[in-house]
């Protein structure tokens, strides 16, 4: 039986060489290698590895390791994710709620966290919703306007 670290390394290797679009696909690839896991385990591994689902055209996606570089690169990635996966941004005082396509909230929230902005205190992500806390009401309002602009491209 593989350790968690060994299993996650195999997941990274599979994702690097195969087009894996769903958790079930990943379970199947691992089973072909003799590694038996549940979808719940794969879901946890995906979150821990911070995998993101990237569009590959015609409404299809594939899992990939999130790439992080300079601040400008992260900002560009945030913009791309907002254009592709964010449906709405709403605000109440200094708190924002971002609605994403199902399954994309954690990837978007991770990039918001990696953006390392002083006006964002933190994020919490569910399946299709992200809760963002801005430092002040004014910064929340400005952030919402900026995020709306990112959605529109």
Protein backbone atom coordinates (compact mmCIF):
# COMPACT_ATOMS: atom_id res chain seq x y z
CA UNK A 1 0.00 0.00 0.00
CA UNK A 2 1.32 3.42 -0.95
CA UNK A 3 1.77 6.19 1.55
CA UNK A 4 -0.20 9.38 1.08
CA UNK A 5 2.94 11.13 -0.23
CA UNK A 6 3.62 8.34 -2.74
CA UNK A 7 -0.01 8.37 -3.92
CA UNK A 8 0.04 12.14 -4.36
CA UNK A 9 3.29 11.91 -6.31
CA UNK A 10 1.65 9.34 -8.63
CA UNK A 11 -1.32 11.73 -9.06
CA UNK A 12 1.06 14.52 -10.08
CA UNK A 13 2.77 12.21 -12.58
CA UNK A 14 -0.55 11.06 -14.07
CA UNK A 15 -1.80 14.63 -14.41
CA UNK A 16 1.45 15.65 -16.11
CA UNK A 17 1.14 12.98 -18.81
CA UNK A 18 -2.63 12.38 -19.18
CA UNK A 19 -5.65 14.57 -19.79
CA UNK A 20 -7.62 13.98 -16.59
CA UNK A 21 -10.91 15.87 -16.52
CA UNK A 22 -12.76 14.36 -13.56
CA UNK A 23 -12.06 12.79 -10.19
CA UNK A 24 -13.53 9.54 -11.52
CA UNK A 25 -11.00 9.60 -14.39
CA UNK A 26 -8.20 9.99 -11.85
CA UNK A 27 -9.54 7.08 -9.77
CA UNK A 28 -9.56 4.95 -12.96
CA UNK A 29 -5.98 5.89 -13.91
CA UNK A 30 -4.80 4.98 -10.40
CA UNK A 31 -6.73 1.69 -10.42
CA UNK A 32 -5.06 0.74 -13.73
CA UNK A 33 -1.76 1.10 -11.84
CA UNK A 34 -3.03 -1.12 -9.03
CA UNK A 35 -3.69 1.77 -6.63
CA UNK A 36 -7.17 1.46 -5.13
CA UNK A 37 -8.62 4.69 -3.72
CA UNK A 38 -12.02 6.18 -3.15
CA UNK A 39 -13.25 9.33 -4.86
CA UNK A 40 -13.35 11.01 -1.42
CA UNK A 41 -9.62 10.34 -1.02
CA UNK A 42 -8.96 11.75 -4.50
CA UNK A 43 -11.01 14.84 -3.65
CA UNK A 44 -8.84 15.46 -0.57
CA UNK A 45 -5.66 14.85 -2.59
CA UNK A 46 -6.78 17.34 -5.25
CA UNK A 47 -7.34 19.99 -2.59
CA UNK A 48 -4.04 19.28 -0.82
CA UNK A 49 -2.11 19.31 -4.10
CA UNK A 50 -3.93 22.52 -5.07
CA UNK A 51 -4.82 21.16 -8.48
CA UNK A 52 -6.84 23.43 -10.75
CA UNK A 53 -9.14 22.60 -13.63
CA UNK A 54 -8.04 24.36 -16.79
CA UNK A 55 -10.18 24.78 -19.90
CA UNK A 56 -8.99 22.78 -22.93
CA UNK A 57 -11.72 23.87 -25.34
CA UNK A 58 -15.26 22.92 -26.28
CA UNK A 59 -16.42 23.07 -22.67
CA UNK A 60 -13.87 20.47 -21.56
CA UNK A 61 -11.35 20.78 -18.73
CA UNK A 62 -8.31 19.00 -17.36
CA UNK A 63 -6.62 18.97 -13.98
CA UNK A 64 -3.22 20.64 -13.72
CA UNK A 65 -0.82 21.76 -11.04
CA UNK A 66 -1.32 25.44 -10.31
CA UNK A 67 1.57 27.50 -11.65
CA UNK A 68 2.70 30.46 -9.59
CA UNK A 69 5.23 33.02 -10.52
CA UNK A 70 5.58 36.75 -10.16
CA UNK A 71 2.74 38.92 -8.88
CA UNK A 72 1.87 39.97 -12.45
CA UNK A 73 1.58 36.31 -13.50
CA UNK A 74 -0.81 35.58 -10.63
CA UNK A 75 -2.88 38.64 -11.53
CA UNK A 76 -3.08 37.40 -15.13
CA UNK A 77 -4.18 33.95 -13.94
CA UNK A 78 -6.80 35.50 -11.63
CA UNK A 79 -8.15 37.48 -14.59
CA UNK A 80 -8.33 34.37 -16.78
CA UNK A 81 -10.12 32.35 -14.09
CA UNK A 82 -12.58 35.19 -13.45
CA UNK A 83 -13.42 35.43 -17.16
CA UNK A 84 -13.91 31.67 -17.49
CA UNK A 85 -15.43 30.54 -14.20
CA UNK A 86 -16.84 33.40 -12.11
CA UNK A 87 -20.56 34.06 -12.47
CA UNK A 88 -21.15 36.81 -9.92
CA UNK A 89 -19.52 38.98 -7.26
CA UNK A 90 -21.62 40.52 -4.49
CA UNK A 91 -20.68 42.55 -1.44
CA UNK A 92 -21.94 43.43 2.02
CA UNK A 93 -19.72 46.00 3.75
CA UNK A 94 -16.21 44.48 3.75
CA UNK A 95 -17.32 40.95 2.84
CA UNK A 96 -17.57 39.67 -0.73
CA UNK A 97 -19.24 36.54 -2.05
CA UNK A 98 -17.98 35.19 -5.36
CA UNK A 99 -20.09 32.61 -7.21
CA UNK A 100 -18.20 30.30 -9.58
CA UNK A 101 -19.02 27.45 -11.90
CA UNK A 102 -19.42 24.26 -9.88
CA UNK A 103 -16.11 22.82 -8.72
CA UNK A 104 -14.02 25.92 -9.42
CA UNK A 105 -14.25 27.88 -6.17
CA UNK A 106 -11.15 26.38 -4.55
CA UNK A 107 -8.94 27.07 -7.57
CA UNK A 108 -10.10 30.68 -7.82
CA UNK A 109 -9.74 31.20 -4.05
CA UNK A 110 -6.23 29.74 -4.08
CA UNK A 111 -5.15 32.27 -6.70
CA UNK A 112 -6.81 35.09 -4.77
CA UNK A 113 -4.75 33.99 -1.75
CA UNK A 114 -1.56 33.79 -3.85
CA UNK A 115 -2.24 37.31 -5.17
CA UNK A 116 -1.03 38.50 -1.74
CA UNK A 117 -2.97 41.75 -1.64
CA UNK A 118 -3.09 43.86 1.50
CA UNK A 119 -6.78 44.61 0.97
CA UNK A 120 -7.73 40.90 1.15
CA UNK A 121 -7.64 39.49 4.70
CA UNK A 122 -8.52 35.96 3.56
CA UNK A 123 -10.79 33.62 1.63
CA UNK A 124 -12.89 30.54 2.31
CA UNK A 125 -14.03 28.37 -0.60
CA UNK A 126 -16.78 25.83 -0.99
CA UNK A 127 -17.78 24.00 -4.15
CA UNK A 128 -19.09 27.02 -6.08
CA UNK A 129 -18.86 29.91 -3.61
CA UNK A 130 -15.97 31.93 -2.22
CA UNK A 131 -16.23 34.14 0.86
CA UNK A 132 -13.68 36.98 0.77
CA UNK A 133 -12.99 39.34 3.65
CA UNK A 134 -11.62 42.74 2.67
CA UNK A 135 -9.73 44.82 5.22
CA UNK A 136 -12.18 47.76 5.16
CA UNK A 137 -15.58 48.59 3.69
CA UNK A 138 -13.96 51.00 1.24
CA UNK A 139 -11.41 48.41 0.13
CA UNK A 140 -14.25 45.88 -0.22
CA UNK A 141 -16.11 48.24 -2.54
CA UNK A 142 -13.00 48.92 -4.64
CA UNK A 143 -12.16 45.20 -4.73
CA UNK A 144 -15.66 44.33 -5.91
CA UNK A 145 -15.38 46.85 -8.76
CA UNK A 146 -11.99 45.43 -9.74
CA UNK A 147 -13.27 41.84 -9.65
CA UNK A 148 -16.33 42.78 -11.73
CA UNK A 149 -13.97 44.30 -14.31
CA UNK A 150 -11.95 41.06 -14.36
CA UNK A 151 -15.12 39.07 -15.05
CA UNK A 152 -15.87 41.20 -18.10
CA UNK A 153 -12.33 40.96 -19.43
